[in-house]
Amino acid sequence: MINSMQRAIIEKDLRFVKETKGNLSAIVIVSLIFSVVLPTIFIVVMHRNPEGMDDFDFLFALFADTLDQAEINFAVLSMMLNNFVPVFFLMIPIIATTTMATSSFIGEKEKRTLETLLYSPLSLSQIFSSKVLASFFLSMAVTLTTITV
């Protein structure tokens, strides 16, 4: 159960990330790269360079009897989008959480508020769980935003 002091820590950490341009821009840029740029590069390369798909000869041999070239290209593109792009979406919350967690603890140390936080009536596990929940909330918000983009 989250009490009001833990909620204050969560809000402070989320506000700190929002106010720190470097952290916010890193999270946004990495999310856009993994959700828009890399999948677009995959699609463009597959459509522009069908001769470069020689690495997929083993797949062509499997499909050669039943499919024509256009259907093979579509099958390879579908395979790449269904198997590789979800991995990029899984990396977005990992990177957002890592950025948030490191900036949270480093920010406490830089602003010299870590000692004050440790002397608060909260236990170490409550402080830690507040920091983890703030990172979780941010990463889920970023992930949901990038999935809808």
C-alpha atoms as a PDB file:
ATOM      1  CA  MET A   1       0.000   0.000   0.000  1.00  0.00           C
ATOM      2  CA  ILE A   2       1.342   3.428  -0.934  1.00  0.00           C
ATOM      3  CA  ASN A   3       1.149   6.124   1.726  1.00  0.00           C
ATOM      4  CA  SER A   4       1.202   9.884   1.196  1.00  0.00           C
ATOM      5  CA  MET A   5       4.959  10.202   1.761  1.00  0.00           C
ATOM      6  CA  GLN A   6       5.684   7.545  -0.841  1.00  0.00           C
ATOM      7  CA  ARG A   7       3.292   9.265  -3.225  1.00  0.00           C
ATOM      8  CA  ALA A   8       5.216  12.516  -2.693  1.00  0.00           C
ATOM      9  CA  ILE A   9       8.487  10.767  -3.603  1.00  0.00           C
ATOM     10  CA  ILE A  10       6.919   9.318  -6.751  1.00  0.00           C
ATOM     11  CA  GLU A  11       5.546  12.706  -7.807  1.00  0.00           C
ATOM     12  CA  LYS A  12       8.872  14.413  -7.076  1.00  0.00           C
ATOM     13  CA  ASP A  13      10.785  11.874  -9.187  1.00  0.00           C
ATOM     14  CA  LEU A  14       8.365  12.173 -12.101  1.00  0.00           C
ATOM     15  CA  ARG A  15       8.511  15.970 -11.881  1.00  0.00           C
ATOM     16  CA  PHE A  16      12.325  15.828 -11.818  1.00  0.00           C
ATOM     17  CA  VAL A  17      12.412  13.817 -15.064  1.00  0.00           C
ATOM     18  CA  LYS A  18       9.922  16.193 -16.670  1.00  0.00           C
ATOM     19  CA  GLU A  19      11.967  19.236 -15.662  1.00  0.00           C
ATOM     20  CA  THR A  20      15.329  17.759 -16.665  1.00  0.00           C
ATOM     21  CA  LYS A  21      15.574  18.298 -20.418  1.00  0.00           C
ATOM     22  CA  GLY A  22      18.399  15.787 -20.915  1.00  0.00           C
ATOM     23  CA  ASN A  23      16.517  12.876 -19.362  1.00  0.00           C
ATOM     24  CA  LEU A  24      13.244  13.672 -21.051  1.00  0.00           C
ATOM     25  CA  SER A  25      14.824  14.157 -24.468  1.00  0.00           C
ATOM     26  CA  ALA A  26      16.824  10.929 -24.136  1.00  0.00           C
ATOM     27  CA  ILE A  27      13.681   8.960 -23.333  1.00  0.00           C
ATOM     28  CA  VAL A  28      11.695  10.554 -26.173  1.00  0.00           C
ATOM     29  CA  ILE A  29      14.465  10.186 -28.762  1.00  0.00           C
ATOM     30  CA  VAL A  30      15.215   6.557 -27.922  1.00  0.00           C
ATOM     31  CA  SER A  31      11.496   5.726 -27.927  1.00  0.00           C
ATOM     32  CA  LEU A  32      11.045   7.319 -31.356  1.00  0.00           C
ATOM     33  CA  ILE A  33      14.080   5.507 -32.728  1.00  0.00           C
ATOM     34  CA  PHE A  34      12.838   2.118 -31.549  1.00  0.00           C
ATOM     35  CA  SER A  35       9.188   2.660 -32.466  1.00  0.00           C
ATOM     36  CA  VAL A  36       9.394   4.626 -35.729  1.00  0.00           C
ATOM     37  CA  VAL A  37      12.869   4.841 -37.244  1.00  0.00           C
ATOM     38  CA  LEU A  38      14.073   1.232 -37.024  1.00  0.00           C
ATOM     39  CA  PRO A  39      10.806  -0.371 -38.228  1.00  0.00           C
ATOM     40  CA  THR A  40      10.712   2.150 -41.094  1.00  0.00           C
ATOM     41  CA  ILE A  41      14.281   1.265 -42.049  1.00  0.00           C
ATOM     42  CA  PHE A  42      13.338  -2.429 -42.099  1.00  0.00           C
ATOM     43  CA  ILE A  43      10.374  -1.805 -44.375  1.00  0.00           C
ATOM     44  CA  VAL A  44      12.265   0.496 -46.753  1.00  0.00           C
ATOM     45  CA  VAL A  45      15.229  -1.863 -47.045  1.00  0.00           C
ATOM     46  CA  MET A  46      12.942  -4.818 -47.740  1.00  0.00           C
ATOM     47  CA  HIS A  47      11.095  -2.941 -50.495  1.00  0.00           C
ATOM     48  CA  ARG A  48      14.097  -1.192 -52.060  1.00  0.00           C
ATOM     49  CA  ASN A  49      16.568  -4.042 -52.019  1.00  0.00           C
ATOM     50  CA  PRO A  50      14.890  -7.364 -52.791  1.00  0.00           C
ATOM     51  CA  GLU A  51      18.165  -8.660 -54.255  1.00  0.00           C
ATOM     52  CA  GLY A  52      19.799  -8.100 -50.871  1.00  0.00           C
ATOM     53  CA  MET A  53      17.613 -10.787 -49.401  1.00  0.00           C
ATOM     54  CA  ASP A  54      20.059 -13.498 -50.422  1.00  0.00           C
ATOM     55  CA  ASP A  55      20.501 -14.297 -46.746  1.00  0.00           C
ATOM     56  CA  PHE A  56      16.952 -15.615 -46.781  1.00  0.00           C
ATOM     57  CA  ASP A  57      17.625 -18.253 -49.456  1.00  0.00           C
ATOM     58  CA  PHE A  58      16.804 -21.006 -46.982  1.00  0.00           C
ATOM     59  CA  LEU A  59      13.323 -19.473 -46.551  1.00  0.00           C
ATOM     60  CA  PHE A  60      12.912 -19.086 -50.293  1.00  0.00           C
ATOM     61  CA  ALA A  61      13.703 -22.767 -50.720  1.00  0.00           C
ATOM     62  CA  LEU A  62      10.942 -23.627 -48.265  1.00  0.00           C
ATOM     63  CA  PHE A  63       8.382 -21.404 -49.985  1.00  0.00           C
ATOM     64  CA  ALA A  64       9.544 -21.797 -53.594  1.00  0.00           C
ATOM     65  CA  ASP A  65       7.099 -24.541 -54.487  1.00  0.00           C
ATOM     66  CA  THR A  66       3.966 -22.802 -53.253  1.00  0.00           C
ATOM     67  CA  LEU A  67       4.572 -19.038 -53.462  1.00  0.00           C
ATOM     68  CA  ASP A  68       5.660 -16.573 -56.131  1.00  0.00           C
ATOM     69  CA  GLN A  69       8.324 -13.878 -55.528  1.00  0.00           C
ATOM     70  CA  ALA A  70       5.920 -11.176 -54.316  1.00  0.00           C
ATOM     71  CA  GLU A  71       4.388 -13.531 -51.771  1.00  0.00           C
ATOM     72  CA  ILE A  72       7.847 -14.606 -50.601  1.00  0.00           C
ATOM     73  CA  ASN A  73       8.871 -10.971 -50.112  1.00  0.00           C
ATOM     74  CA  PHE A  74       5.693 -10.337 -48.153  1.00  0.00           C
ATOM     75  CA  ALA A  75       6.307 -13.432 -46.006  1.00  0.00           C
ATOM     76  CA  VAL A  76       9.861 -12.331 -45.200  1.00  0.00           C
ATOM     77  CA  LEU A  77       8.695  -8.782 -44.403  1.00  0.00           C
ATOM     78  CA  SER A  78       5.921 -10.144 -42.215  1.00  0.00           C
ATOM     79  CA  MET A  79       8.387 -12.399 -40.421  1.00  0.00           C
ATOM     80  CA  MET A  80      10.744  -9.486 -39.736  1.00  0.00           C
ATOM     81  CA  LEU A  81       7.974  -7.191 -38.501  1.00  0.00           C
ATOM     82  CA  ASN A  82       6.381  -9.862 -36.321  1.00  0.00           C
ATOM     83  CA  ASN A  83       9.642 -11.130 -34.809  1.00  0.00           C
ATOM     84  CA  PHE A  84      12.016  -8.152 -34.627  1.00  0.00           C
ATOM     85  CA  VAL A  85       9.852  -5.082 -34.063  1.00  0.00           C
ATOM     86  CA  PRO A  86       8.241  -6.411 -30.830  1.00  0.00           C
ATOM     87  CA  VAL A  87      11.742  -6.730 -29.391  1.00  0.00           C
ATOM     88  CA  PHE A  88      12.249  -3.009 -30.005  1.00  0.00           C
ATOM     89  CA  PHE A  89       9.025  -2.260 -28.140  1.00  0.00           C
ATOM     90  CA  LEU A  90      10.257  -4.389 -25.250  1.00  0.00           C
ATOM     91  CA  MET A  91      13.455  -2.346 -25.106  1.00  0.00           C
ATOM     92  CA  ILE A  92      11.585   0.956 -24.691  1.00  0.00           C
ATOM     93  CA  PRO A  93      10.432   0.366 -21.073  1.00  0.00           C
ATOM     94  CA  ILE A  94      13.837  -1.052 -20.155  1.00  0.00           C
ATOM     95  CA  ILE A  95      15.635   2.046 -21.401  1.00  0.00           C
ATOM     96  CA  ALA A  96      13.055   4.434 -19.876  1.00  0.00           C
ATOM     97  CA  THR A  97      13.268   2.672 -16.513  1.00  0.00           C
ATOM     98  CA  THR A  98      17.057   2.685 -16.522  1.00  0.00           C
ATOM     99  CA  THR A  99      17.192   6.367 -17.407  1.00  0.00           C
ATOM    100  CA  MET A 100      14.628   7.266 -14.767  1.00  0.00           C
ATOM    101  CA  ALA A 101      16.204   5.205 -12.004  1.00  0.00           C
ATOM    102  CA  THR A 102      19.721   6.479 -12.574  1.00  0.00           C
ATOM    103  CA  SER A 103      18.631  10.088 -12.858  1.00  0.00           C
ATOM    104  CA  SER A 104      16.525   9.729  -9.728  1.00  0.00           C
ATOM    105  CA  PHE A 105      19.342   8.540  -7.487  1.00  0.00           C
ATOM    106  CA  ILE A 106      21.970  10.757  -9.109  1.00  0.00           C
ATOM    107  CA  GLY A 107      19.611  13.737  -8.852  1.00  0.00           C
ATOM    108  CA  GLU A 108      19.143  13.068  -5.138  1.00  0.00           C
ATOM    109  CA  LYS A 109      22.901  12.991  -4.674  1.00  0.00           C
ATOM    110  CA  GLU A 110      23.519  16.137  -6.775  1.00  0.00           C
ATOM    111  CA  LYS A 111      20.835  18.167  -5.035  1.00  0.00           C
ATOM    112  CA  ARG A 112      22.052  16.865  -1.650  1.00  0.00           C
ATOM    113  CA  THR A 113      18.599  15.572  -0.757  1.00  0.00           C
ATOM    114  CA  LEU A 114      19.563  11.913  -0.417  1.00  0.00           C
ATOM    115  CA  GLU A 115      20.556  12.308   3.225  1.00  0.00           C
ATOM    116  CA  THR A 116      17.294  14.101   3.988  1.00  0.00           C
ATOM    117  CA  LEU A 117      15.380  11.337   2.272  1.00  0.00           C
ATOM    118  CA  LEU A 118      17.223   8.683   4.270  1.00  0.00           C
ATOM    119  CA  TYR A 119      16.418  10.504   7.533  1.00  0.00           C
ATOM    120  CA  SER A 120      12.715  10.639   6.664  1.00  0.00           C
ATOM    121  CA  PRO A 121      10.318   8.378   8.608  1.00  0.00           C
ATOM    122  CA  LEU A 122      10.133   6.027   5.619  1.00  0.00           C
ATOM    123  CA  SER A 123      12.027   2.765   5.706  1.00  0.00           C
ATOM    124  CA  LEU A 124      14.622   1.943   3.063  1.00  0.00           C
ATOM    125  CA  SER A 125      12.265  -0.542   1.445  1.00  0.00           C
ATOM    126  CA  GLN A 126       9.512   2.104   1.210  1.00  0.00           C
ATOM    127  CA  ILE A 127      11.927   4.617  -0.333  1.00  0.00           C
ATOM    128  CA  PHE A 128      13.181   1.995  -2.774  1.00  0.00           C
ATOM    129  CA  SER A 129       9.673   0.862  -3.708  1.00  0.00           C
ATOM    130  CA  SER A 130       8.676   4.508  -4.296  1.00  0.00           C
ATOM    131  CA  LYS A 131      11.626   4.998  -6.629  1.00  0.00           C
ATOM    132  CA  VAL A 132      10.837   1.742  -8.447  1.00  0.00           C
ATOM    133  CA  LEU A 133       7.159   2.662  -8.810  1.00  0.00           C
ATOM    134  CA  ALA A 134       8.059   6.074 -10.224  1.00  0.00           C
ATOM    135  CA  SER A 135      10.294   4.375 -12.807  1.00  0.00           C
ATOM    136  CA  PHE A 136       7.561   1.849 -13.576  1.00  0.00           C
ATOM    137  CA  PHE A 137       4.897   4.515 -14.083  1.00  0.00           C
ATOM    138  CA  LEU A 138       7.152   6.518 -16.389  1.00  0.00           C
ATOM    139  CA  SER A 139       8.164   3.496 -18.459  1.00  0.00           C
ATOM    140  CA  MET A 140       4.565   2.352 -18.870  1.00  0.00           C
ATOM    141  CA  ALA A 141       3.473   5.850 -19.899  1.00  0.00           C
ATOM    142  CA  VAL A 142       6.285   6.068 -22.454  1.00  0.00           C
ATOM    143  CA  THR A 143       5.538   2.571 -23.774  1.00  0.00           C
ATOM    144  CA  LEU A 144       1.815   3.209 -24.146  1.00  0.00           C
ATOM    145  CA  THR A 145       2.529   6.513 -25.868  1.00  0.00           C
ATOM    146  CA  THR A 146       4.950   4.983 -28.360  1.00  0.00           C
ATOM    147  CA  ILE A 147       2.686   2.030 -29.107  1.00  0.00           C
ATOM    148  CA  THR A 148      -0.153   4.387 -29.997  1.00  0.00           C
ATOM    149  CA  VAL A 149       2.150   6.464 -32.233  1.00  0.00           C
END
